[in-house]
Amino acid sequence: MSVLVFASQLASLLATVLVPGIALIVVLKQGWMRRLAIPLDAGSTWGDGRPVFGRTKTWLGVVIYVGGASIVAGILGHPDLHQWVAPILRGPRSVAVGLAIGAVYVLGELVNSFVKRRVGIDSSAETTSRWRALQRLADLADGIIAVSVLLLALGAAPLLVAATAGVGVAVHAGTDVVMHRLRLKSH
């Protein structure tokens, strides 16, 4: 496989989470779809008295990520793009794969949020302890790791998955900076 084809296939996998992520930034900044900005945990708390996921994990994010990944994957599944798209996104199952990617990405984010609430870290906040770098890495990689496991389970090439994960974490770091600058996230 040529470097160009590999890069294109990597970009196709990355697009299934990057495009919804950018869409979420735009929707939040514009104030669109506010009715869906309801916390998934509906403000409920766990046995420790802390929120289950927190105020920033909303139905809006689920709809944007799951719907967006499905749409992106459906477009990429078009037969004319066959060579340039990762094999797991090709053909009639592309929308279902996109749906799974979006759902698993959200699940990875939710697991991380649940753990952060248990250790007392508020939504969109960072610890000030010696574990800050580890928490930062977990925040950047949570959904990407979950999607990587799914991609491997679906039979994607391990090298392609590893490259997608690496680039995905770097891109997530960039979108995090954008979200902070747009005041959609606090430090």
C-alpha atoms as a PDB file:
ATOM      1  CA  MET A   1       0.000   0.000   0.000  1.00  0.00           C
ATOM      2  CA  SER A   2       1.347   3.426  -0.909  1.00  0.00           C
ATOM      3  CA  VAL A   3       1.930   6.111   1.690  1.00  0.00           C
ATOM      4  CA  LEU A   4      -0.796   8.215   0.078  1.00  0.00           C
ATOM      5  CA  VAL A   5      -3.377   5.427   0.337  1.00  0.00           C
ATOM      6  CA  PHE A   6      -2.349   4.725   3.954  1.00  0.00           C
ATOM      7  CA  ALA A   7      -2.668   8.421   4.839  1.00  0.00           C
ATOM      8  CA  SER A   8      -6.043   8.599   3.127  1.00  0.00           C
ATOM      9  CA  GLN A   9      -7.327   5.535   4.982  1.00  0.00           C
ATOM     10  CA  LEU A  10      -6.035   6.991   8.258  1.00  0.00           C
ATOM     11  CA  ALA A  11      -7.849  10.252   7.477  1.00  0.00           C
ATOM     12  CA  SER A  12     -11.068   8.345   6.759  1.00  0.00           C
ATOM     13  CA  LEU A  13     -11.006   6.682  10.175  1.00  0.00           C
ATOM     14  CA  LEU A  14     -10.069   9.931  11.881  1.00  0.00           C
ATOM     15  CA  ALA A  15     -12.892  11.785  10.114  1.00  0.00           C
ATOM     16  CA  THR A  16     -15.504   9.631  11.857  1.00  0.00           C
ATOM     17  CA  VAL A  17     -14.616  11.249  15.204  1.00  0.00           C
ATOM     18  CA  LEU A  18     -13.004  14.510  14.078  1.00  0.00           C
ATOM     19  CA  VAL A  19     -15.935  15.799  12.028  1.00  0.00           C
ATOM     20  CA  PRO A  20     -18.481  15.201  14.818  1.00  0.00           C
ATOM     21  CA  GLY A  21     -16.059  16.788  17.298  1.00  0.00           C
ATOM     22  CA  ILE A  22     -15.766  19.922  15.176  1.00  0.00           C
ATOM     23  CA  ALA A  23     -19.538  19.903  14.627  1.00  0.00           C
ATOM     24  CA  LEU A  24     -20.040  19.807  18.402  1.00  0.00           C
ATOM     25  CA  ILE A  25     -17.740  22.808  18.855  1.00  0.00           C
ATOM     26  CA  VAL A  26     -19.703  24.771  16.244  1.00  0.00           C
ATOM     27  CA  VAL A  27     -23.095  23.759  17.672  1.00  0.00           C
ATOM     28  CA  LEU A  28     -22.014  24.730  21.197  1.00  0.00           C
ATOM     29  CA  LYS A  29     -20.507  28.045  20.100  1.00  0.00           C
ATOM     30  CA  GLN A  30     -23.579  28.972  18.062  1.00  0.00           C
ATOM     31  CA  GLY A  31     -25.951  27.899  20.806  1.00  0.00           C
ATOM     32  CA  TRP A  32     -27.838  25.567  18.482  1.00  0.00           C
ATOM     33  CA  MET A  33     -29.856  22.562  19.651  1.00  0.00           C
ATOM     34  CA  ARG A  34     -29.938  23.841  23.241  1.00  0.00           C
ATOM     35  CA  ARG A  35     -32.836  21.546  24.091  1.00  0.00           C
ATOM     36  CA  LEU A  36     -30.468  18.587  23.816  1.00  0.00           C
ATOM     37  CA  ALA A  37     -27.897  20.110  26.175  1.00  0.00           C
ATOM     38  CA  ILE A  38     -29.332  18.074  29.035  1.00  0.00           C
ATOM     39  CA  PRO A  39     -26.861  16.140  31.194  1.00  0.00           C
ATOM     40  CA  LEU A  40     -27.019  12.395  30.565  1.00  0.00           C
ATOM     41  CA  ASP A  41     -27.149  11.763  34.293  1.00  0.00           C
ATOM     42  CA  ALA A  42     -30.000  14.319  34.666  1.00  0.00           C
ATOM     43  CA  GLY A  43     -28.138  15.774  37.633  1.00  0.00           C
ATOM     44  CA  SER A  44     -28.309  12.543  39.596  1.00  0.00           C
ATOM     45  CA  THR A  45     -25.546  11.528  41.950  1.00  0.00           C
ATOM     46  CA  TRP A  46     -23.761   8.285  42.732  1.00  0.00           C
ATOM     47  CA  GLY A  47     -23.541   6.733  46.205  1.00  0.00           C
ATOM     48  CA  ASP A  48     -20.651   9.069  47.009  1.00  0.00           C
ATOM     49  CA  GLY A  49     -22.861  12.131  46.524  1.00  0.00           C
ATOM     50  CA  ARG A  50     -21.009  13.227  43.393  1.00  0.00           C
ATOM     51  CA  PRO A  51     -22.547  13.487  39.906  1.00  0.00           C
ATOM     52  CA  VAL A  52     -22.582  10.275  37.867  1.00  0.00           C
ATOM     53  CA  PHE A  53     -20.994  11.934  34.770  1.00  0.00           C
ATOM     54  CA  GLY A  54     -21.346  15.679  35.314  1.00  0.00           C
ATOM     55  CA  ARG A  55     -22.973  18.607  33.574  1.00  0.00           C
ATOM     56  CA  THR A  56     -20.870  18.555  30.392  1.00  0.00           C
ATOM     57  CA  LYS A  57     -21.803  15.031  29.252  1.00  0.00           C
ATOM     58  CA  THR A  58     -25.076  15.781  27.498  1.00  0.00           C
ATOM     59  CA  TRP A  59     -27.550  14.257  25.077  1.00  0.00           C
ATOM     60  CA  LEU A  60     -26.353  16.861  22.586  1.00  0.00           C
ATOM     61  CA  GLY A  61     -22.894  15.271  22.560  1.00  0.00           C
ATOM     62  CA  VAL A  62     -24.376  11.801  22.081  1.00  0.00           C
ATOM     63  CA  VAL A  63     -26.548  12.933  19.169  1.00  0.00           C
ATOM     64  CA  ILE A  64     -23.709  14.835  17.481  1.00  0.00           C
ATOM     65  CA  TYR A  65     -21.118  12.069  17.907  1.00  0.00           C
ATOM     66  CA  VAL A  66     -23.308   9.079  17.071  1.00  0.00           C
ATOM     67  CA  GLY A  67     -25.258  10.814  14.308  1.00  0.00           C
ATOM     68  CA  GLY A  68     -22.208  12.589  12.928  1.00  0.00           C
ATOM     69  CA  ALA A  69     -20.040   9.472  12.831  1.00  0.00           C
ATOM     70  CA  SER A  70     -22.865   7.578  11.086  1.00  0.00           C
ATOM     71  CA  ILE A  71     -23.238  10.281   8.438  1.00  0.00           C
ATOM     72  CA  VAL A  72     -19.488  10.615   7.854  1.00  0.00           C
ATOM     73  CA  ALA A  73     -19.036   6.846   7.598  1.00  0.00           C
ATOM     74  CA  GLY A  74     -22.044   6.585   5.276  1.00  0.00           C
ATOM     75  CA  ILE A  75     -20.517   9.150   2.927  1.00  0.00           C
ATOM     76  CA  LEU A  76     -17.130   7.440   3.077  1.00  0.00           C
ATOM     77  CA  GLY A  77     -18.783   4.112   2.269  1.00  0.00           C
ATOM     78  CA  HIS A  78     -19.607   5.307  -1.244  1.00  0.00           C
ATOM     79  CA  PRO A  79     -18.135   2.876  -3.818  1.00  0.00           C
ATOM     80  CA  ASP A  80     -16.265   5.635  -5.692  1.00  0.00           C
ATOM     81  CA  LEU A  81     -14.083   6.191  -2.608  1.00  0.00           C
ATOM     82  CA  HIS A  82     -13.270   2.500  -2.128  1.00  0.00           C
ATOM     83  CA  GLN A  83      -9.460   2.620  -2.458  1.00  0.00           C
ATOM     84  CA  TRP A  84      -9.068   5.747  -0.341  1.00  0.00           C
ATOM     85  CA  VAL A  85     -11.183   4.635   2.607  1.00  0.00           C
ATOM     86  CA  ALA A  86     -10.245   2.223   5.378  1.00  0.00           C
ATOM     87  CA  PRO A  87     -11.639  -1.229   4.477  1.00  0.00           C
ATOM     88  CA  ILE A  88     -13.956  -1.396   7.516  1.00  0.00           C
ATOM     89  CA  LEU A  89     -15.758   1.734   6.268  1.00  0.00           C
ATOM     90  CA  ARG A  90     -16.418   0.361   2.799  1.00  0.00           C
ATOM     91  CA  GLY A  91     -19.739  -0.797   1.503  1.00  0.00           C
ATOM     92  CA  PRO A  92     -23.228  -1.152   2.896  1.00  0.00           C
ATOM     93  CA  ARG A  93     -22.174  -1.608   6.534  1.00  0.00           C
ATOM     94  CA  SER A  94     -20.460   1.786   6.662  1.00  0.00           C
ATOM     95  CA  VAL A  95     -23.340   3.557   8.421  1.00  0.00           C
ATOM     96  CA  ALA A  96     -23.551   0.817  11.076  1.00  0.00           C
ATOM     97  CA  VAL A  97     -19.785   0.988  11.612  1.00  0.00           C
ATOM     98  CA  GLY A  98     -20.041   4.772  11.954  1.00  0.00           C
ATOM     99  CA  LEU A  99     -22.851   4.406  14.468  1.00  0.00           C
ATOM    100  CA  ALA A 100     -20.710   1.967  16.474  1.00  0.00           C
ATOM    101  CA  ILE A 101     -17.690   4.290  16.310  1.00  0.00           C
ATOM    102  CA  GLY A 102     -19.737   7.243  17.578  1.00  0.00           C
ATOM    103  CA  ALA A 103     -21.347   5.214  20.363  1.00  0.00           C
ATOM    104  CA  VAL A 104     -18.060   3.680  21.512  1.00  0.00           C
ATOM    105  CA  TYR A 105     -16.346   7.084  21.446  1.00  0.00           C
ATOM    106  CA  VAL A 106     -19.062   8.465  23.731  1.00  0.00           C
ATOM    107  CA  LEU A 107     -18.791   5.405  25.974  1.00  0.00           C
ATOM    108  CA  GLY A 108     -15.028   5.969  26.369  1.00  0.00           C
ATOM    109  CA  GLU A 109     -15.687   9.585  27.344  1.00  0.00           C
ATOM    110  CA  LEU A 110     -18.363   8.534  29.835  1.00  0.00           C
ATOM    111  CA  VAL A 111     -16.134   5.979  31.555  1.00  0.00           C
ATOM    112  CA  ASN A 112     -13.452   8.635  32.002  1.00  0.00           C
ATOM    113  CA  SER A 113     -15.998  11.159  33.329  1.00  0.00           C
ATOM    114  CA  PHE A 114     -17.399   8.606  35.747  1.00  0.00           C
ATOM    115  CA  VAL A 115     -13.919   7.862  37.128  1.00  0.00           C
ATOM    116  CA  LYS A 116     -13.056  11.572  37.374  1.00  0.00           C
ATOM    117  CA  ARG A 117     -16.214  12.285  39.364  1.00  0.00           C
ATOM    118  CA  ARG A 118     -15.374   9.410  41.737  1.00  0.00           C
ATOM    119  CA  VAL A 119     -11.977  10.940  42.541  1.00  0.00           C
ATOM    120  CA  GLY A 120     -13.471  14.404  42.987  1.00  0.00           C
ATOM    121  CA  ILE A 121     -12.548  16.123  39.718  1.00  0.00           C
ATOM    122  CA  ASP A 122     -15.363  18.391  38.477  1.00  0.00           C
ATOM    123  CA  SER A 123     -16.633  18.522  34.878  1.00  0.00           C
ATOM    124  CA  SER A 124     -14.154  20.196  32.508  1.00  0.00           C
ATOM    125  CA  ALA A 125     -11.653  20.569  35.363  1.00  0.00           C
ATOM    126  CA  GLU A 126      -8.155  19.229  35.918  1.00  0.00           C
ATOM    127  CA  THR A 127      -6.581  17.906  39.045  1.00  0.00           C
ATOM    128  CA  THR A 128      -3.874  19.990  40.638  1.00  0.00           C
ATOM    129  CA  SER A 129      -2.143  16.888  41.993  1.00  0.00           C
ATOM    130  CA  ARG A 130       0.914  15.088  40.669  1.00  0.00           C
ATOM    131  CA  TRP A 131      -1.496  13.060  38.508  1.00  0.00           C
ATOM    132  CA  ARG A 132      -2.366  16.030  36.284  1.00  0.00           C
ATOM    133  CA  ALA A 133      -0.349  14.802  33.272  1.00  0.00           C
ATOM    134  CA  LEU A 134      -1.936  11.356  33.509  1.00  0.00           C
ATOM    135  CA  GLN A 135      -5.411  12.860  33.761  1.00  0.00           C
ATOM    136  CA  ARG A 136      -4.691  15.116  30.755  1.00  0.00           C
ATOM    137  CA  LEU A 137      -3.595  12.101  28.710  1.00  0.00           C
ATOM    138  CA  ALA A 138      -6.702  10.153  29.774  1.00  0.00           C
ATOM    139  CA  ASP A 139      -8.914  13.094  28.799  1.00  0.00           C
ATOM    140  CA  LEU A 140      -7.318  13.246  25.351  1.00  0.00           C
ATOM    141  CA  ALA A 141      -7.244   9.497  24.735  1.00  0.00           C
ATOM    142  CA  ASP A 142     -10.396   8.096  26.388  1.00  0.00           C
ATOM    143  CA  GLY A 143     -12.680   8.006  23.340  1.00  0.00           C
ATOM    144  CA  ILE A 144      -9.803   7.278  20.955  1.00  0.00           C
ATOM    145  CA  ILE A 145      -8.726   4.214  22.958  1.00  0.00           C
ATOM    146  CA  ALA A 146     -12.299   2.910  23.018  1.00  0.00           C
ATOM    147  CA  VAL A 147     -12.631   3.395  19.246  1.00  0.00           C
ATOM    148  CA  SER A 148      -9.242   1.752  18.663  1.00  0.00           C
ATOM    149  CA  VAL A 149     -10.396  -1.381  20.492  1.00  0.00           C
ATOM    150  CA  LEU A 150     -13.553  -1.406  18.349  1.00  0.00           C
ATOM    151  CA  LEU A 151     -11.580  -0.938  15.120  1.00  0.00           C
ATOM    152  CA  LEU A 152      -9.290  -3.839  15.995  1.00  0.00           C
ATOM    153  CA  ALA A 153     -12.320  -6.001  16.860  1.00  0.00           C
ATOM    154  CA  LEU A 154     -13.809  -5.145  13.467  1.00  0.00           C
ATOM    155  CA  GLY A 155     -10.626  -6.287  11.745  1.00  0.00           C
ATOM    156  CA  ALA A 156      -8.886  -3.004  10.935  1.00  0.00           C
ATOM    157  CA  ALA A 157      -5.145  -3.240  10.343  1.00  0.00           C
ATOM    158  CA  PRO A 158      -3.265  -2.727  13.640  1.00  0.00           C
ATOM    159  CA  LEU A 159      -0.759  -0.284  12.097  1.00  0.00           C
ATOM    160  CA  LEU A 160      -3.607   1.808  10.688  1.00  0.00           C
ATOM    161  CA  VAL A 161      -5.394   1.780  14.060  1.00  0.00           C
ATOM    162  CA  ALA A 162      -2.206   2.762  15.927  1.00  0.00           C
ATOM    163  CA  ALA A 163      -1.511   5.625  13.513  1.00  0.00           C
ATOM    164  CA  THR A 164      -5.116   6.801  13.749  1.00  0.00           C
ATOM    165  CA  ALA A 165      -4.958   6.715  17.549  1.00  0.00           C
ATOM    166  CA  GLY A 166      -1.721   8.718  17.641  1.00  0.00           C
ATOM    167  CA  VAL A 167      -2.954  11.362  15.242  1.00  0.00           C
ATOM    168  CA  GLY A 168      -6.359  11.335  16.940  1.00  0.00           C
ATOM    169  CA  VAL A 169      -4.891  12.168  20.351  1.00  0.00           C
ATOM    170  CA  ALA A 170      -2.832  14.989  18.802  1.00  0.00           C
ATOM    171  CA  VAL A 171      -5.886  16.398  17.016  1.00  0.00           C
ATOM    172  CA  HIS A 172      -7.960  16.108  20.204  1.00  0.00           C
ATOM    173  CA  ALA A 173      -5.299  18.155  21.993  1.00  0.00           C
ATOM    174  CA  GLY A 174      -5.716  20.824  19.304  1.00  0.00           C
ATOM    175  CA  THR A 175      -9.505  20.878  19.527  1.00  0.00           C
ATOM    176  CA  ASP A 176      -9.200  21.143  23.316  1.00  0.00           C
ATOM    177  CA  VAL A 177      -7.161  24.329  22.877  1.00  0.00           C
ATOM    178  CA  VAL A 178      -9.833  25.693  20.521  1.00  0.00           C
ATOM    179  CA  MET A 179     -12.598  24.855  23.020  1.00  0.00           C
ATOM    180  CA  HIS A 180     -10.728  26.651  25.808  1.00  0.00           C
ATOM    181  CA  ARG A 181     -10.145  29.710  23.631  1.00  0.00           C
ATOM    182  CA  LEU A 182     -13.823  29.793  22.672  1.00  0.00           C
ATOM    183  CA  ARG A 183     -14.644  29.484  26.396  1.00  0.00           C
ATOM    184  CA  LEU A 184     -16.557  26.274  25.817  1.00  0.00           C
ATOM    185  CA  LYS A 185     -14.305  24.552  28.353  1.00  0.00           C
ATOM    186  CA  SER A 186     -12.647  25.854  31.491  1.00  0.00           C
ATOM    187  CA  HIS A 187      -9.232  24.980  32.903  1.00  0.00           C
END
